[in-house]
């Protein structure tokens, strides 16, 4: 199935518009990350975290004040789905004791709420720092390995184009999380699950980018007399059908996961949705144009 059999869009000619769009998105992401920051989950912050489901809808602000009197210190309380609350507090006592206090507090404060503990976690501060460090190393390490892989398979210009696109995708996705946390009716905490989503985004975007790069290398040998920008544009158009169909089908699956996967997977699925959309865009308007710019600046790439 080819939906763009004879596509001839001027992607390379309009790359400066792509630079403006990407620049605006990256600037907005950096501002959002600087001003708002991201909401770290218990994996990277340390503490106790509980998800409590009740038969009635309870206001998070009201529950925070009420549980503050029960626990002795005001916890962080957020809405987690229709009739569930996310409660986070420092690990002052054993997790079983705090869990009992929270359930008793809900029963006392909200008679008839029938609270049920759906989930509880505890992470120590030192272990949280180790997890945070490991997560950063995993993302940076993946970018380094990808650069080396593209360098060996193609050449350094393609490697820089791929890494630029991946940095672009991860940064914008993080910026969306920083801008929207607290406004959406589901958790956007950065935890190990979200890091897995980021690594999945990196892999997905790279796969799409490599397909385009491979076609560029093939067409460079076939159309030796053509202008390099024309060859790159022809390569993008030739793989456009594959790009759109792959992205659409993947996005459909992730949307189903987002809708029916439950509260625990909603943040993970949301990250993938943003990543797939941005990754599809970057393979066309970031990775390949960077190769063109480097070729124009540093000369003709070495053919292999």
C-alpha atoms as a PDB file:
ATOM      1  CA  UNK A   1       0.000   0.000   0.000  1.00  0.00           C
ATOM      2  CA  UNK A   2       1.473   3.327  -1.129  1.00  0.00           C
ATOM      3  CA  UNK A   3      -0.497   6.458  -0.368  1.00  0.00           C
ATOM      4  CA  UNK A   4       2.138   8.796  -1.844  1.00  0.00           C
ATOM      5  CA  UNK A   5       3.099   6.899  -4.987  1.00  0.00           C
ATOM      6  CA  UNK A   6       4.435   9.919  -6.890  1.00  0.00           C
ATOM      7  CA  UNK A   7       5.061  12.363  -4.064  1.00  0.00           C
ATOM      8  CA  UNK A   8       7.126  15.407  -4.981  1.00  0.00           C
ATOM      9  CA  UNK A   9       6.970  17.723  -1.980  1.00  0.00           C
ATOM     10  CA  UNK A  10       9.714  20.302  -1.536  1.00  0.00           C
ATOM     11  CA  UNK A  11      10.853  19.216   1.942  1.00  0.00           C
ATOM     12  CA  UNK A  12      14.477  20.267   1.497  1.00  0.00           C
ATOM     13  CA  UNK A  13      13.590  23.576  -0.143  1.00  0.00           C
ATOM     14  CA  UNK A  14      11.285  24.428   2.778  1.00  0.00           C
ATOM     15  CA  UNK A  15      13.750  23.283   5.463  1.00  0.00           C
ATOM     16  CA  UNK A  16      14.183  26.821   6.792  1.00  0.00           C
ATOM     17  CA  UNK A  17      10.517  26.803   7.788  1.00  0.00           C
ATOM     18  CA  UNK A  18      11.239  23.548   9.602  1.00  0.00           C
ATOM     19  CA  UNK A  19      14.164  25.219  11.377  1.00  0.00           C
ATOM     20  CA  UNK A  20      11.847  27.978  12.592  1.00  0.00           C
ATOM     21  CA  UNK A  21       9.234  25.490  13.838  1.00  0.00           C
ATOM     22  CA  UNK A  22      11.860  23.364  15.574  1.00  0.00           C
ATOM     23  CA  UNK A  23      13.552  26.438  17.022  1.00  0.00           C
ATOM     24  CA  UNK A  24      10.285  27.714  18.488  1.00  0.00           C
ATOM     25  CA  UNK A  25       9.433  24.295  19.941  1.00  0.00           C
ATOM     26  CA  UNK A  26      12.915  23.860  21.430  1.00  0.00           C
ATOM     27  CA  UNK A  27      12.909  27.382  22.886  1.00  0.00           C
ATOM     28  CA  UNK A  28       9.478  26.809  24.420  1.00  0.00           C
ATOM     29  CA  UNK A  29      10.688  23.481  25.808  1.00  0.00           C
ATOM     30  CA  UNK A  30      13.792  25.028  27.395  1.00  0.00           C
ATOM     31  CA  UNK A  31      11.704  27.834  28.923  1.00  0.00           C
ATOM     32  CA  UNK A  32       9.172  25.333  30.268  1.00  0.00           C
ATOM     33  CA  UNK A  33      11.921  23.101  31.697  1.00  0.00           C
ATOM     34  CA  UNK A  34      13.624  26.116  33.302  1.00  0.00           C
ATOM     35  CA  UNK A  35      10.511  27.719  34.788  1.00  0.00           C
ATOM     36  CA  UNK A  36       8.357  24.680  35.580  1.00  0.00           C
ATOM     37  CA  UNK A  37      10.764  21.781  35.625  1.00  0.00           C
ATOM     38  CA  UNK A  38       9.563  18.216  35.376  1.00  0.00           C
ATOM     39  CA  UNK A  39       7.625  16.359  38.033  1.00  0.00           C
ATOM     40  CA  UNK A  40       9.904  13.633  39.323  1.00  0.00           C
ATOM     41  CA  UNK A  41       8.297  10.395  40.366  1.00  0.00           C
ATOM     42  CA  UNK A  42       9.159   8.511  43.506  1.00  0.00           C
ATOM     43  CA  UNK A  43      11.801   6.555  41.562  1.00  0.00           C
ATOM     44  CA  UNK A  44      13.971   9.685  41.232  1.00  0.00           C
ATOM     45  CA  UNK A  45      12.876  11.692  44.270  1.00  0.00           C
ATOM     46  CA  UNK A  46      12.542   9.237  47.111  1.00  0.00           C
ATOM     47  CA  UNK A  47       9.655   8.866  49.535  1.00  0.00           C
ATOM     48  CA  UNK A  48       6.398   6.930  49.799  1.00  0.00           C
ATOM     49  CA  UNK A  49       3.703   6.954  47.178  1.00  0.00           C
ATOM     50  CA  UNK A  50       0.162   5.601  47.448  1.00  0.00           C
ATOM     51  CA  UNK A  51      -2.754   5.395  45.030  1.00  0.00           C
ATOM     52  CA  UNK A  52      -6.096   5.292  46.855  1.00  0.00           C
ATOM     53  CA  UNK A  53      -9.401   4.635  45.107  1.00  0.00           C
ATOM     54  CA  UNK A  54     -12.683   5.681  46.715  1.00  0.00           C
ATOM     55  CA  UNK A  55     -16.369   5.279  45.927  1.00  0.00           C
ATOM     56  CA  UNK A  56     -16.860   9.035  45.880  1.00  0.00           C
ATOM     57  CA  UNK A  57     -14.982  11.850  44.183  1.00  0.00           C
ATOM     58  CA  UNK A  58     -12.735  13.706  46.623  1.00  0.00           C
ATOM     59  CA  UNK A  59     -11.093  17.071  46.012  1.00  0.00           C
ATOM     60  CA  UNK A  60      -7.289  16.774  46.105  1.00  0.00           C
ATOM     61  CA  UNK A  61      -6.772  20.077  47.915  1.00  0.00           C
ATOM     62  CA  UNK A  62      -9.290  19.164  50.598  1.00  0.00           C
ATOM     63  CA  UNK A  63      -7.746  15.704  51.010  1.00  0.00           C
ATOM     64  CA  UNK A  64      -4.267  17.234  51.335  1.00  0.00           C
ATOM     65  CA  UNK A  65      -5.348  19.407  54.256  1.00  0.00           C
ATOM     66  CA  UNK A  66      -7.250  16.564  55.911  1.00  0.00           C
ATOM     67  CA  UNK A  67      -4.433  14.021  55.600  1.00  0.00           C
ATOM     68  CA  UNK A  68      -1.979  16.613  56.896  1.00  0.00           C
ATOM     69  CA  UNK A  69      -3.697  16.443  60.271  1.00  0.00           C
ATOM     70  CA  UNK A  70      -3.670  12.634  60.204  1.00  0.00           C
ATOM     71  CA  UNK A  71      -0.042  12.144  59.133  1.00  0.00           C
ATOM     72  CA  UNK A  72       1.423  15.057  61.045  1.00  0.00           C
ATOM     73  CA  UNK A  73       2.847  16.616  57.872  1.00  0.00           C
ATOM     74  CA  UNK A  74       0.988  17.750  54.789  1.00  0.00           C
ATOM     75  CA  UNK A  75       1.494  15.255  51.945  1.00  0.00           C
ATOM     76  CA  UNK A  76       1.361  15.869  48.225  1.00  0.00           C
ATOM     77  CA  UNK A  77      -2.059  14.817  46.939  1.00  0.00           C
ATOM     78  CA  UNK A  78      -3.141  14.782  43.294  1.00  0.00           C
ATOM     79  CA  UNK A  79      -6.080  13.483  41.315  1.00  0.00           C
ATOM     80  CA  UNK A  80      -5.325  10.114  39.738  1.00  0.00           C
ATOM     81  CA  UNK A  81      -8.234   9.148  37.516  1.00  0.00           C
ATOM     82  CA  UNK A  82     -11.948   9.568  38.218  1.00  0.00           C
ATOM     83  CA  UNK A  83     -12.177   8.476  41.870  1.00  0.00           C
ATOM     84  CA  UNK A  84      -8.557   7.915  42.846  1.00  0.00           C
ATOM     85  CA  UNK A  85      -5.926  10.067  44.508  1.00  0.00           C
ATOM     86  CA  UNK A  86      -2.142   9.951  44.396  1.00  0.00           C
ATOM     87  CA  UNK A  87      -0.648  10.566  47.850  1.00  0.00           C
ATOM     88  CA  UNK A  88       3.082  11.159  48.257  1.00  0.00           C
ATOM     89  CA  UNK A  89       4.858  11.715  51.566  1.00  0.00           C
ATOM     90  CA  UNK A  90       8.318  11.467  53.089  1.00  0.00           C
ATOM     91  CA  UNK A  91       9.340   8.068  54.565  1.00  0.00           C
ATOM     92  CA  UNK A  92       9.064   8.958  58.273  1.00  0.00           C
ATOM     93  CA  UNK A  93       7.577   5.588  59.333  1.00  0.00           C
ATOM     94  CA  UNK A  94       7.153   2.108  57.897  1.00  0.00           C
ATOM     95  CA  UNK A  95       5.118   1.950  54.712  1.00  0.00           C
ATOM     96  CA  UNK A  96       2.496  -0.322  56.320  1.00  0.00           C
ATOM     97  CA  UNK A  97       1.979   2.152  59.179  1.00  0.00           C
ATOM     98  CA  UNK A  98       1.587   5.102  56.806  1.00  0.00           C
ATOM     99  CA  UNK A  99      -0.763   3.084  54.599  1.00  0.00           C
ATOM    100  CA  UNK A 100      -2.961   2.301  57.596  1.00  0.00           C
ATOM    101  CA  UNK A 101      -2.984   5.955  58.643  1.00  0.00           C
ATOM    102  CA  UNK A 102      -4.030   7.051  55.157  1.00  0.00           C
ATOM    103  CA  UNK A 103      -6.871   4.515  54.905  1.00  0.00           C
ATOM    104  CA  UNK A 104      -8.083   5.358  58.415  1.00  0.00           C
ATOM    105  CA  UNK A 105      -7.852   9.032  57.566  1.00  0.00           C
ATOM    106  CA  UNK A 106     -10.056   8.623  54.494  1.00  0.00           C
ATOM    107  CA  UNK A 107     -12.590   6.580  56.453  1.00  0.00           C
ATOM    108  CA  UNK A 108     -12.704   9.250  59.172  1.00  0.00           C
ATOM    109  CA  UNK A 109     -12.712  12.291  56.907  1.00  0.00           C
ATOM    110  CA  UNK A 110     -15.015  10.853  54.246  1.00  0.00           C
ATOM    111  CA  UNK A 111     -17.487   8.326  55.701  1.00  0.00           C
ATOM    112  CA  UNK A 112     -18.781   5.969  53.056  1.00  0.00           C
ATOM    113  CA  UNK A 113     -15.819   6.537  50.733  1.00  0.00           C
ATOM    114  CA  UNK A 114     -14.641   2.910  51.190  1.00  0.00           C
ATOM    115  CA  UNK A 115     -10.983   3.627  50.361  1.00  0.00           C
ATOM    116  CA  UNK A 116      -8.975   0.873  48.665  1.00  0.00           C
ATOM    117  CA  UNK A 117      -5.192   0.968  48.341  1.00  0.00           C
ATOM    118  CA  UNK A 118      -4.411   0.256  44.683  1.00  0.00           C
ATOM    119  CA  UNK A 119      -0.670   0.783  44.794  1.00  0.00           C
ATOM    120  CA  UNK A 120       2.146   1.674  47.192  1.00  0.00           C
ATOM    121  CA  UNK A 121       5.862   2.278  46.642  1.00  0.00           C
ATOM    122  CA  UNK A 122       8.838   3.410  48.693  1.00  0.00           C
ATOM    123  CA  UNK A 123      12.251   4.551  47.466  1.00  0.00           C
ATOM    124  CA  UNK A 124      15.121   5.796  49.641  1.00  0.00           C
ATOM    125  CA  UNK A 125      16.843   9.111  48.759  1.00  0.00           C
ATOM    126  CA  UNK A 126      20.209   7.519  47.992  1.00  0.00           C
ATOM    127  CA  UNK A 127      18.685   4.878  45.754  1.00  0.00           C
ATOM    128  CA  UNK A 128      16.591   7.571  44.048  1.00  0.00           C
ATOM    129  CA  UNK A 129      19.755   9.527  43.193  1.00  0.00           C
ATOM    130  CA  UNK A 130      21.350   6.393  41.764  1.00  0.00           C
ATOM    131  CA  UNK A 131      18.282   5.737  39.633  1.00  0.00           C
ATOM    132  CA  UNK A 132      18.280   9.331  38.395  1.00  0.00           C
ATOM    133  CA  UNK A 133      21.969   9.126  37.483  1.00  0.00           C
ATOM    134  CA  UNK A 134      21.416   5.802  35.725  1.00  0.00           C
ATOM    135  CA  UNK A 135      18.499   7.201  33.731  1.00  0.00           C
ATOM    136  CA  UNK A 136      20.578  10.157  32.507  1.00  0.00           C
ATOM    137  CA  UNK A 137      23.467   7.877  31.576  1.00  0.00           C
ATOM    138  CA  UNK A 138      21.132   5.517  29.712  1.00  0.00           C
ATOM    139  CA  UNK A 139      19.748   8.302  27.508  1.00  0.00           C
ATOM    140  CA  UNK A 140      23.158   9.914  26.848  1.00  0.00           C
ATOM    141  CA  UNK A 141      24.735   6.512  26.295  1.00  0.00           C
ATOM    142  CA  UNK A 142      22.083   5.577  23.745  1.00  0.00           C
ATOM    143  CA  UNK A 143      22.781   8.795  21.795  1.00  0.00           C
ATOM    144  CA  UNK A 144      26.526   8.024  21.785  1.00  0.00           C
ATOM    145  CA  UNK A 145      26.015   4.440  20.630  1.00  0.00           C
ATOM    146  CA  UNK A 146      23.625   5.635  17.916  1.00  0.00           C
ATOM    147  CA  UNK A 147      26.175   8.166  16.663  1.00  0.00           C
ATOM    148  CA  UNK A 148      28.857   5.473  16.451  1.00  0.00           C
ATOM    149  CA  UNK A 149      26.446   3.095  14.682  1.00  0.00           C
ATOM    150  CA  UNK A 150      25.461   5.697  12.061  1.00  0.00           C
ATOM    151  CA  UNK A 151      29.119   6.717  11.711  1.00  0.00           C
ATOM    152  CA  UNK A 152      30.107   3.136  10.865  1.00  0.00           C
ATOM    153  CA  UNK A 153      27.123   2.437   8.617  1.00  0.00           C
ATOM    154  CA  UNK A 154      27.082   5.777   6.794  1.00  0.00           C
ATOM    155  CA  UNK A 155      29.443   8.615   7.765  1.00  0.00           C
ATOM    156  CA  UNK A 156      29.805  11.345  10.376  1.00  0.00           C
ATOM    157  CA  UNK A 157      27.394  13.848   8.776  1.00  0.00           C
ATOM    158  CA  UNK A 158      24.601  11.305   8.984  1.00  0.00           C
ATOM    159  CA  UNK A 159      25.587  10.532  12.574  1.00  0.00           C
ATOM    160  CA  UNK A 160      25.278  14.174  13.601  1.00  0.00           C
ATOM    161  CA  UNK A 161      21.962  14.451  11.746  1.00  0.00           C
ATOM    162  CA  UNK A 162      20.558  11.426  13.583  1.00  0.00           C
ATOM    163  CA  UNK A 163      21.745  12.629  17.017  1.00  0.00           C
ATOM    164  CA  UNK A 164      20.384  16.133  16.355  1.00  0.00           C
ATOM    165  CA  UNK A 165      16.970  14.660  15.514  1.00  0.00           C
ATOM    166  CA  UNK A 166      16.953  12.439  18.608  1.00  0.00           C
ATOM    167  CA  UNK A 167      18.004  15.314  20.892  1.00  0.00           C
ATOM    168  CA  UNK A 168      15.243  17.376  19.274  1.00  0.00           C
ATOM    169  CA  UNK A 169      12.626  14.660  19.937  1.00  0.00           C
ATOM    170  CA  UNK A 170      13.549  13.952  23.568  1.00  0.00           C
ATOM    171  CA  UNK A 171      13.886  17.646  24.490  1.00  0.00           C
ATOM    172  CA  UNK A 172      10.503  18.620  23.049  1.00  0.00           C
ATOM    173  CA  UNK A 173       8.796  15.639  24.699  1.00  0.00           C
ATOM    174  CA  UNK A 174      10.334  16.645  28.044  1.00  0.00           C
ATOM    175  CA  UNK A 175       9.203  20.220  27.434  1.00  0.00           C
ATOM    176  CA  UNK A 176       5.616  19.051  26.868  1.00  0.00           C
ATOM    177  CA  UNK A 177       5.755  17.101  30.138  1.00  0.00           C
ATOM    178  CA  UNK A 178       7.109  20.159  31.977  1.00  0.00           C
ATOM    179  CA  UNK A 179       4.452  22.450  30.500  1.00  0.00           C
ATOM    180  CA  UNK A 180       1.445  20.188  31.052  1.00  0.00           C
ATOM    181  CA  UNK A 181       2.086  18.461  34.380  1.00  0.00           C
ATOM    182  CA  UNK A 182      -0.593  19.488  36.827  1.00  0.00           C
ATOM    183  CA  UNK A 183      -3.009  20.460  34.041  1.00  0.00           C
ATOM    184  CA  UNK A 184      -3.900  17.050  32.624  1.00  0.00           C
ATOM    185  CA  UNK A 185      -6.123  14.574  34.503  1.00  0.00           C
ATOM    186  CA  UNK A 186      -3.374  11.946  34.634  1.00  0.00           C
ATOM    187  CA  UNK A 187       0.139  11.752  36.047  1.00  0.00           C
ATOM    188  CA  UNK A 188       3.092  13.110  34.034  1.00  0.00           C
ATOM    189  CA  UNK A 189       5.717  12.146  36.572  1.00  0.00           C
ATOM    190  CA  UNK A 190       9.137  11.269  35.203  1.00  0.00           C
ATOM    191  CA  UNK A 191       9.900   7.786  36.491  1.00  0.00           C
ATOM    192  CA  UNK A 192      11.527   4.625  35.155  1.00  0.00           C
ATOM    193  CA  UNK A 193       8.485   3.897  32.984  1.00  0.00           C
ATOM    194  CA  UNK A 194       8.749   7.282  31.284  1.00  0.00           C
ATOM    195  CA  UNK A 195      12.493   6.804  30.771  1.00  0.00           C
ATOM    196  CA  UNK A 196      11.613   3.546  29.015  1.00  0.00           C
ATOM    197  CA  UNK A 197       9.198   5.555  26.855  1.00  0.00           C
ATOM    198  CA  UNK A 198      11.972   8.028  25.965  1.00  0.00           C
ATOM    199  CA  UNK A 199      14.294   5.189  24.961  1.00  0.00           C
ATOM    200  CA  UNK A 200      11.465   3.740  22.874  1.00  0.00           C
ATOM    201  CA  UNK A 201      11.052   7.140  21.191  1.00  0.00           C
ATOM    202  CA  UNK A 202      14.785   7.200  20.458  1.00  0.00           C
ATOM    203  CA  UNK A 203      14.606   3.745  18.867  1.00  0.00           C
ATOM    204  CA  UNK A 204      11.491   4.548  16.834  1.00  0.00           C
ATOM    205  CA  UNK A 205      12.833   7.858  15.549  1.00  0.00           C
ATOM    206  CA  UNK A 206      16.184   6.290  14.679  1.00  0.00           C
ATOM    207  CA  UNK A 207      14.507   3.501  12.698  1.00  0.00           C
ATOM    208  CA  UNK A 208      12.606   6.026  10.609  1.00  0.00           C
ATOM    209  CA  UNK A 209      15.702   8.167  10.117  1.00  0.00           C
ATOM    210  CA  UNK A 210      17.890   5.245   9.030  1.00  0.00           C
ATOM    211  CA  UNK A 211      15.359   4.287   6.333  1.00  0.00           C
ATOM    212  CA  UNK A 212      15.594   7.796   4.872  1.00  0.00           C
ATOM    213  CA  UNK A 213      19.397   7.823   5.188  1.00  0.00           C
ATOM    214  CA  UNK A 214      19.688   4.482   3.438  1.00  0.00           C
ATOM    215  CA  UNK A 215      17.605   5.775   0.530  1.00  0.00           C
ATOM    216  CA  UNK A 216      19.759   8.929   0.357  1.00  0.00           C
ATOM    217  CA  UNK A 217      22.896   6.796   0.109  1.00  0.00           C
ATOM    218  CA  UNK A 218      21.287   4.630  -2.585  1.00  0.00           C
ATOM    219  CA  UNK A 219      20.078   7.587  -4.656  1.00  0.00           C
ATOM    220  CA  UNK A 220      23.401   9.397  -4.311  1.00  0.00           C
ATOM    221  CA  UNK A 221      24.977   6.557  -6.269  1.00  0.00           C
ATOM    222  CA  UNK A 222      22.121   6.297  -8.777  1.00  0.00           C
ATOM    223  CA  UNK A 223      21.687  10.007  -9.554  1.00  0.00           C
ATOM    224  CA  UNK A 224      25.295  11.184  -9.562  1.00  0.00           C
ATOM    225  CA  UNK A 225      24.640  14.143 -11.837  1.00  0.00           C
ATOM    226  CA  UNK A 226      21.748  15.532  -9.773  1.00  0.00           C
ATOM    227  CA  UNK A 227      22.066  18.274  -7.201  1.00  0.00           C
ATOM    228  CA  UNK A 228      22.554  16.765  -3.722  1.00  0.00           C
ATOM    229  CA  UNK A 229      19.584  18.635  -2.257  1.00  0.00           C
ATOM    230  CA  UNK A 230      17.403  17.240  -5.045  1.00  0.00           C
ATOM    231  CA  UNK A 231      18.653  13.718  -4.296  1.00  0.00           C
ATOM    232  CA  UNK A 232      17.835  14.110  -0.593  1.00  0.00           C
ATOM    233  CA  UNK A 233      14.402  15.514  -1.350  1.00  0.00           C
ATOM    234  CA  UNK A 234      13.706  12.639  -3.751  1.00  0.00           C
ATOM    235  CA  UNK A 235      14.774  10.165  -1.054  1.00  0.00           C
ATOM    236  CA  UNK A 236      12.418  11.671   1.535  1.00  0.00           C
ATOM    237  CA  UNK A 237       9.499  11.637  -0.917  1.00  0.00           C
ATOM    238  CA  UNK A 238      10.231   8.054  -1.928  1.00  0.00           C
ATOM    239  CA  UNK A 239      10.088   6.863   1.692  1.00  0.00           C
ATOM    240  CA  UNK A 240       7.161   9.135   2.632  1.00  0.00           C
ATOM    241  CA  UNK A 241       4.545   6.416   2.128  1.00  0.00           C
ATOM    242  CA  UNK A 242       6.402   4.042   4.422  1.00  0.00           C
ATOM    243  CA  UNK A 243       6.909   6.813   7.001  1.00  0.00           C
ATOM    244  CA  UNK A 244       3.249   7.865   7.116  1.00  0.00           C
ATOM    245  CA  UNK A 245       1.836   4.328   7.194  1.00  0.00           C
ATOM    246  CA  UNK A 246       4.273   3.137   9.879  1.00  0.00           C
ATOM    247  CA  UNK A 247       3.681   6.201  12.035  1.00  0.00           C
ATOM    248  CA  UNK A 248      -0.108   6.005  11.638  1.00  0.00           C
ATOM    249  CA  UNK A 249      -0.372   2.333  12.550  1.00  0.00           C
ATOM    250  CA  UNK A 250       1.991   2.723  15.499  1.00  0.00           C
ATOM    251  CA  UNK A 251       0.111   5.796  16.675  1.00  0.00           C
ATOM    252  CA  UNK A 252      -3.181   3.887  16.471  1.00  0.00           C
ATOM    253  CA  UNK A 253      -1.847   1.154  18.754  1.00  0.00           C
ATOM    254  CA  UNK A 254      -0.480   3.689  21.241  1.00  0.00           C
ATOM    255  CA  UNK A 255      -3.790   5.583  21.245  1.00  0.00           C
ATOM    256  CA  UNK A 256      -5.585   2.357  22.164  1.00  0.00           C
ATOM    257  CA  UNK A 257      -3.056   1.873  24.975  1.00  0.00           C
ATOM    258  CA  UNK A 258      -3.617   5.466  26.115  1.00  0.00           C
ATOM    259  CA  UNK A 259      -7.411   5.094  26.179  1.00  0.00           C
ATOM    260  CA  UNK A 260      -7.758   1.580  27.582  1.00  0.00           C
ATOM    261  CA  UNK A 261      -4.431   0.974  29.329  1.00  0.00           C
ATOM    262  CA  UNK A 262      -5.461   2.494  32.656  1.00  0.00           C
ATOM    263  CA  UNK A 263      -3.988   5.294  34.745  1.00  0.00           C
ATOM    264  CA  UNK A 264      -0.642   3.604  35.338  1.00  0.00           C
ATOM    265  CA  UNK A 265       0.167   3.422  31.596  1.00  0.00           C
ATOM    266  CA  UNK A 266      -1.400   6.700  30.540  1.00  0.00           C
ATOM    267  CA  UNK A 267       1.732   8.812  31.045  1.00  0.00           C
ATOM    268  CA  UNK A 268       3.831   6.209  29.207  1.00  0.00           C
ATOM    269  CA  UNK A 269       1.407   6.157  26.261  1.00  0.00           C
ATOM    270  CA  UNK A 270       1.192   9.962  26.206  1.00  0.00           C
ATOM    271  CA  UNK A 271       4.996  10.201  25.940  1.00  0.00           C
ATOM    272  CA  UNK A 272       4.944   7.761  23.017  1.00  0.00           C
ATOM    273  CA  UNK A 273       2.211   9.738  21.245  1.00  0.00           C
ATOM    274  CA  UNK A 274       4.224  12.950  21.467  1.00  0.00           C
ATOM    275  CA  UNK A 275       7.432  11.115  20.546  1.00  0.00           C
ATOM    276  CA  UNK A 276       5.947   9.427  17.465  1.00  0.00           C
ATOM    277  CA  UNK A 277       4.548  12.710  16.137  1.00  0.00           C
ATOM    278  CA  UNK A 278       7.755  14.645  16.782  1.00  0.00           C
ATOM    279  CA  UNK A 279       9.944  11.748  15.599  1.00  0.00           C
ATOM    280  CA  UNK A 280       8.103  11.513  12.273  1.00  0.00           C
ATOM    281  CA  UNK A 281       8.512  15.250  11.784  1.00  0.00           C
ATOM    282  CA  UNK A 282      12.211  15.250  12.748  1.00  0.00           C
ATOM    283  CA  UNK A 283      13.168  12.453  10.350  1.00  0.00           C
ATOM    284  CA  UNK A 284      11.953  14.712   7.523  1.00  0.00           C
ATOM    285  CA  UNK A 285      12.705  18.242   8.719  1.00  0.00           C
ATOM    286  CA  UNK A 286      15.653  17.794  11.086  1.00  0.00           C
ATOM    287  CA  UNK A 287      17.828  14.744  10.385  1.00  0.00           C
ATOM    288  CA  UNK A 288      18.028  14.986   6.576  1.00  0.00           C
ATOM    289  CA  UNK A 289      18.315  18.813   6.413  1.00  0.00           C
ATOM    290  CA  UNK A 290      21.203  18.661   8.920  1.00  0.00           C
ATOM    291  CA  UNK A 291      22.996  16.273   6.548  1.00  0.00           C
ATOM    292  CA  UNK A 292      22.389  18.718   3.677  1.00  0.00           C
ATOM    293  CA  UNK A 293      23.696  21.676   5.684  1.00  0.00           C
ATOM    294  CA  UNK A 294      26.830  19.784   6.761  1.00  0.00           C
ATOM    295  CA  UNK A 295      27.432  18.650   3.184  1.00  0.00           C
ATOM    296  CA  UNK A 296      27.109  22.217   1.904  1.00  0.00           C
ATOM    297  CA  UNK A 297      29.450  23.489   4.586  1.00  0.00           C
ATOM    298  CA  UNK A 298      32.105  20.775   4.682  1.00  0.00           C
ATOM    299  CA  UNK A 299      31.977  19.373   1.178  1.00  0.00           C
ATOM    300  CA  UNK A 300      30.899  16.213  -0.534  1.00  0.00           C
ATOM    301  CA  UNK A 301      30.303  13.187   1.728  1.00  0.00           C
ATOM    302  CA  UNK A 302      32.502  10.144   1.278  1.00  0.00           C
ATOM    303  CA  UNK A 303      30.638   7.428  -0.624  1.00  0.00           C
ATOM    304  CA  UNK A 304      30.840   3.850   0.615  1.00  0.00           C
END
